[in-house]
């Protein structure tokens, strides 16, 4: 499977509010997010982001890349201490099938 090769890389692009999936350096997918609530010293509430949409370019569809992209995006959100509102229907389906991410999710 193409997606399991070491060339599959997911990183965050904070300037564009998205996680990016690159294969051999080429951008092939994104998970766009929107900041709902940020944690501050005055209000130490959790940083909440909505995962708005998941897109994988057509040439790379049906290879399991969207699942890899969403999984790694959720792993990153967890490591940042973020909570995620799953607005994207693909992310909602992924979360239904992967209850191990329930600690990262806040209801819509």
Protein backbone atom coordinates (compact mmCIF):
# COMPACT_ATOMS: atom_id res chain seq x y z
CA UNK A 1 0.00 0.00 0.00
CA UNK A 2 1.33 3.37 -1.00
CA UNK A 3 0.27 5.05 2.23
CA UNK A 4 2.37 2.79 4.45
CA UNK A 5 5.64 3.78 2.80
CA UNK A 6 8.05 6.01 4.73
CA UNK A 7 7.40 8.76 2.16
CA UNK A 8 3.93 9.46 3.67
CA UNK A 9 4.32 12.47 5.96
CA UNK A 10 1.68 14.42 7.89
CA UNK A 11 2.56 17.82 9.30
CA UNK A 12 0.73 20.88 10.57
CA UNK A 13 0.61 24.12 8.61
CA UNK A 14 -0.56 26.67 11.18
CA UNK A 15 -0.47 29.53 8.66
CA UNK A 16 -3.17 27.77 6.61
CA UNK A 17 -4.98 26.10 9.56
CA UNK A 18 -4.55 22.60 8.21
CA UNK A 19 -2.74 19.33 8.54
CA UNK A 20 -1.05 18.31 5.32
CA UNK A 21 -0.32 14.87 3.91
CA UNK A 22 2.63 14.73 1.57
CA UNK A 23 3.87 11.78 -0.47
CA UNK A 24 7.45 12.16 -1.68
CA UNK A 25 7.14 15.87 -0.90
CA UNK A 26 3.95 16.41 -2.94
CA UNK A 27 0.86 17.73 -1.15
CA UNK A 28 -1.92 15.15 -1.69
CA UNK A 29 -4.30 15.72 1.22
CA UNK A 30 -5.41 18.09 3.96
CA UNK A 31 -7.51 18.23 7.10
CA UNK A 32 -8.65 21.81 7.58
CA UNK A 33 -9.28 23.03 11.10
CA UNK A 34 -10.79 26.12 12.67
CA UNK A 35 -9.91 27.39 16.13
CA UNK A 36 -13.06 27.55 18.25
CA UNK A 37 -11.58 28.39 21.62
CA UNK A 38 -7.99 28.92 22.72
CA UNK A 39 -6.51 28.31 26.13
CA UNK A 40 -5.06 31.36 27.87
CA UNK A 41 -3.63 32.11 31.30
CA UNK A 42 -6.75 34.06 32.22
CA UNK A 43 -9.01 31.31 30.91
CA UNK A 44 -7.16 27.99 31.13
CA UNK A 45 -9.91 26.15 29.32
CA UNK A 46 -8.88 23.62 26.75
CA UNK A 47 -7.90 24.65 23.24
CA UNK A 48 -10.76 23.50 20.96
CA UNK A 49 -10.57 23.17 17.18
CA UNK A 50 -13.14 22.03 14.65
CA UNK A 51 -11.92 19.62 12.00
CA UNK A 52 -13.86 21.13 9.10
CA UNK A 53 -12.98 19.04 6.05
CA UNK A 54 -10.77 16.23 4.82
CA UNK A 55 -9.57 16.28 1.23
CA UNK A 56 -7.34 13.84 -0.67
CA UNK A 57 -6.58 14.58 -4.32
CA UNK A 58 -8.48 12.40 -6.75
CA UNK A 59 -5.35 10.70 -8.11
CA UNK A 60 -4.63 9.35 -4.62
CA UNK A 61 -8.17 8.39 -3.60
CA UNK A 62 -9.23 4.96 -2.37
CA UNK A 63 -5.78 4.09 -1.00
CA UNK A 64 -6.48 4.60 2.71
CA UNK A 65 -4.70 7.95 2.78
CA UNK A 66 -7.62 9.87 4.31
CA UNK A 67 -7.62 7.49 7.29
CA UNK A 68 -3.86 7.90 7.76
CA UNK A 69 -4.20 11.68 7.50
CA UNK A 70 -7.06 11.87 10.01
CA UNK A 71 -5.39 9.43 12.43
CA UNK A 72 -2.14 11.39 12.44
CA UNK A 73 -4.02 14.71 12.71
CA UNK A 74 -5.90 13.41 15.76
CA UNK A 75 -2.65 12.09 17.24
CA UNK A 76 -1.11 15.54 16.79
CA UNK A 77 -4.16 17.25 18.30
CA UNK A 78 -3.89 14.93 21.31
CA UNK A 79 -0.17 15.68 21.71
CA UNK A 80 -0.91 19.45 21.60
CA UNK A 81 -3.60 19.04 24.28
CA UNK A 82 -6.32 20.05 21.82
CA UNK A 83 -9.93 18.90 21.85
CA UNK A 84 -11.55 18.33 18.45
CA UNK A 85 -15.07 19.05 17.25
CA UNK A 86 -15.57 16.68 14.30
CA UNK A 87 -17.54 18.82 11.82
CA UNK A 88 -16.24 16.87 8.80
CA UNK A 89 -18.42 13.82 8.08
CA UNK A 90 -15.35 11.72 7.20
CA UNK A 91 -13.79 12.54 10.58
CA UNK A 92 -17.10 11.66 12.27
CA UNK A 93 -17.15 8.24 10.55
CA UNK A 94 -13.48 7.69 11.41
CA UNK A 95 -14.16 8.46 15.07
CA UNK A 96 -17.15 6.09 15.14
CA UNK A 97 -14.88 3.31 13.91
CA UNK A 98 -11.98 4.27 16.21
CA UNK A 99 -13.29 4.81 19.76
CA UNK A 100 -9.73 5.05 21.09
CA UNK A 101 -9.90 8.74 20.12
CA UNK A 102 -12.92 9.53 22.30
CA UNK A 103 -10.66 11.41 24.77
CA UNK A 104 -9.82 13.96 22.06
CA UNK A 105 -13.40 14.66 20.97
CA UNK A 106 -15.90 17.22 22.21
CA UNK A 107 -19.51 17.07 21.03
CA UNK A 108 -20.69 19.35 18.25
